[in-house]
Amino acid sequence: MLENLGYQVELVSSAEKALYKITTTIYDVILMDIGLPGMSGIDAAIEIRRQEQHGQNVPIIALTAFSNKEMYQDCLNAGIN
């Protein structure tokens, strides 16, 4: 759907692959599944924020089929927008 709107999309299947990709590519936004296999999307977001250069703050949007107030707060604490 995003490609049909003219956006360039790149997909990865794990948090570890996402962490590698952000070291080689600059992204305008990251759509992060919270329920990733292995490392969670929240843990991946924490690592993305840790690796960011000063002044860099790519928006991270959480995607999940499960949500509650605790999950919402965990996302905010991880730096997810």
C-alpha atoms as a PDB file:
ATOM      1  CA  MET A   1       0.000   0.000   0.000  1.00  0.00           C
ATOM      2  CA  LEU A   2       2.817   2.418   0.840  1.00  0.00           C
ATOM      3  CA  GLU A   3       4.580   1.665  -2.435  1.00  0.00           C
ATOM      4  CA  ASN A   4       1.345   2.393  -4.304  1.00  0.00           C
ATOM      5  CA  LEU A   5       1.408   5.832  -2.676  1.00  0.00           C
ATOM      6  CA  GLY A   6       4.916   6.415  -4.027  1.00  0.00           C
ATOM      7  CA  TYR A   7       6.974   5.583  -0.934  1.00  0.00           C
ATOM      8  CA  GLN A   8      10.093   3.465  -1.060  1.00  0.00           C
ATOM      9  CA  VAL A   9       9.678   0.524   1.318  1.00  0.00           C
ATOM     10  CA  GLU A  10      12.269  -1.864   2.695  1.00  0.00           C
ATOM     11  CA  LEU A  11      11.231  -4.912   4.734  1.00  0.00           C
ATOM     12  CA  VAL A  12      13.266  -7.000   7.157  1.00  0.00           C
ATOM     13  CA  SER A  13      12.163 -10.104   9.046  1.00  0.00           C
ATOM     14  CA  SER A  14      13.842  -9.582  12.414  1.00  0.00           C
ATOM     15  CA  ALA A  15      14.991  -6.914  14.831  1.00  0.00           C
ATOM     16  CA  GLU A  16      18.594  -7.956  14.297  1.00  0.00           C
ATOM     17  CA  LYS A  17      18.282  -7.352  10.554  1.00  0.00           C
ATOM     18  CA  ALA A  18      16.633  -3.991  11.210  1.00  0.00           C
ATOM     19  CA  LEU A  19      19.505  -2.963  13.481  1.00  0.00           C
ATOM     20  CA  TYR A  20      21.978  -3.852  10.747  1.00  0.00           C
ATOM     21  CA  LYS A  21      20.034  -1.944   8.079  1.00  0.00           C
ATOM     22  CA  ILE A  22      19.910   1.275  10.105  1.00  0.00           C
ATOM     23  CA  THR A  23      23.723   1.284  10.201  1.00  0.00           C
ATOM     24  CA  THR A  24      23.870   1.325   6.398  1.00  0.00           C
ATOM     25  CA  THR A  25      20.792   3.327   5.372  1.00  0.00           C
ATOM     26  CA  ILE A  26      19.099   6.555   6.470  1.00  0.00           C
ATOM     27  CA  TYR A  27      15.352   6.159   6.871  1.00  0.00           C
ATOM     28  CA  ASP A  28      12.605   8.783   7.111  1.00  0.00           C
ATOM     29  CA  VAL A  29      10.443   6.578   9.338  1.00  0.00           C
ATOM     30  CA  ILE A  30      10.540   3.087  10.858  1.00  0.00           C
ATOM     31  CA  LEU A  31       7.402   0.972  11.253  1.00  0.00           C
ATOM     32  CA  MET A  32       8.305  -1.456  14.041  1.00  0.00           C
ATOM     33  CA  ASP A  33       6.362  -4.600  14.876  1.00  0.00           C
ATOM     34  CA  ILE A  34       6.455  -4.972  18.656  1.00  0.00           C
ATOM     35  CA  GLY A  35       6.019  -8.760  18.540  1.00  0.00           C
ATOM     36  CA  LEU A  36       9.115  -9.673  16.543  1.00  0.00           C
ATOM     37  CA  PRO A  37      10.690 -13.118  16.938  1.00  0.00           C
ATOM     38  CA  GLY A  38      13.853 -13.088  19.047  1.00  0.00           C
ATOM     39  CA  MET A  39      14.536  -9.500  20.078  1.00  0.00           C
ATOM     40  CA  SER A  40      11.299  -7.572  20.643  1.00  0.00           C
ATOM     41  CA  GLY A  41      10.442  -4.428  18.724  1.00  0.00           C
ATOM     42  CA  ILE A  42      10.681  -2.470  21.985  1.00  0.00           C
ATOM     43  CA  ASP A  43      14.223  -3.747  22.594  1.00  0.00           C
ATOM     44  CA  ALA A  44      15.099  -2.966  18.979  1.00  0.00           C
ATOM     45  CA  ALA A  45      13.791   0.589  19.383  1.00  0.00           C
ATOM     46  CA  ILE A  46      15.922   1.052  22.499  1.00  0.00           C
ATOM     47  CA  GLU A  47      18.983  -0.082  20.534  1.00  0.00           C
ATOM     48  CA  ILE A  48      18.108   2.175  17.581  1.00  0.00           C
ATOM     49  CA  ARG A  49      17.899   5.164  19.929  1.00  0.00           C
ATOM     50  CA  ARG A  50      21.207   4.163  21.557  1.00  0.00           C
ATOM     51  CA  GLN A  51      22.952   4.035  18.173  1.00  0.00           C
ATOM     52  CA  GLU A  52      21.546   7.295  16.808  1.00  0.00           C
ATOM     53  CA  GLN A  53      23.919  10.151  16.230  1.00  0.00           C
ATOM     54  CA  HIS A  54      23.415  13.440  18.085  1.00  0.00           C
ATOM     55  CA  GLY A  55      20.421  15.303  16.653  1.00  0.00           C
ATOM     56  CA  GLN A  56      19.187  12.287  14.699  1.00  0.00           C
ATOM     57  CA  ASN A  57      15.726  11.097  15.710  1.00  0.00           C
ATOM     58  CA  VAL A  58      14.044   8.994  13.036  1.00  0.00           C
ATOM     59  CA  PRO A  59      10.370   8.520  13.940  1.00  0.00           C
ATOM     60  CA  ILE A  60       9.566   4.964  15.056  1.00  0.00           C
ATOM     61  CA  ILE A  61       5.917   3.934  14.812  1.00  0.00           C
ATOM     62  CA  ALA A  62       4.896   0.847  16.778  1.00  0.00           C
ATOM     63  CA  LEU A  63       2.663  -1.782  15.188  1.00  0.00           C
ATOM     64  CA  THR A  64       1.044  -4.511  17.248  1.00  0.00           C
ATOM     65  CA  ALA A  65      -2.078  -6.626  17.492  1.00  0.00           C
ATOM     66  CA  PHE A  66      -1.908  -6.411  21.292  1.00  0.00           C
ATOM     67  CA  SER A  67      -2.030  -3.180  23.228  1.00  0.00           C
ATOM     68  CA  ASN A  68      -2.636  -1.981  26.757  1.00  0.00           C
ATOM     69  CA  LYS A  69      -1.503   0.939  28.938  1.00  0.00           C
ATOM     70  CA  GLU A  70       1.639  -0.879  30.056  1.00  0.00           C
ATOM     71  CA  MET A  71       2.652  -1.655  26.456  1.00  0.00           C
ATOM     72  CA  TYR A  72       1.979   1.975  25.514  1.00  0.00           C
ATOM     73  CA  GLN A  73       4.233   3.200  28.334  1.00  0.00           C
ATOM     74  CA  ASP A  74       6.930   0.657  27.420  1.00  0.00           C
ATOM     75  CA  CYS A  75       6.874   2.015  23.863  1.00  0.00           C
ATOM     76  CA  LEU A  76       7.238   5.607  25.046  1.00  0.00           C
ATOM     77  CA  ASN A  77      10.074   4.629  27.398  1.00  0.00           C
ATOM     78  CA  ALA A  78      11.855   2.929  24.487  1.00  0.00           C
ATOM     79  CA  GLY A  79      11.744   6.093  22.380  1.00  0.00           C
ATOM     80  CA  ILE A  80       8.944   4.976  20.091  1.00  0.00           C
ATOM     81  CA  ASN A  81       6.997   7.955  18.815  1.00  0.00           C
END
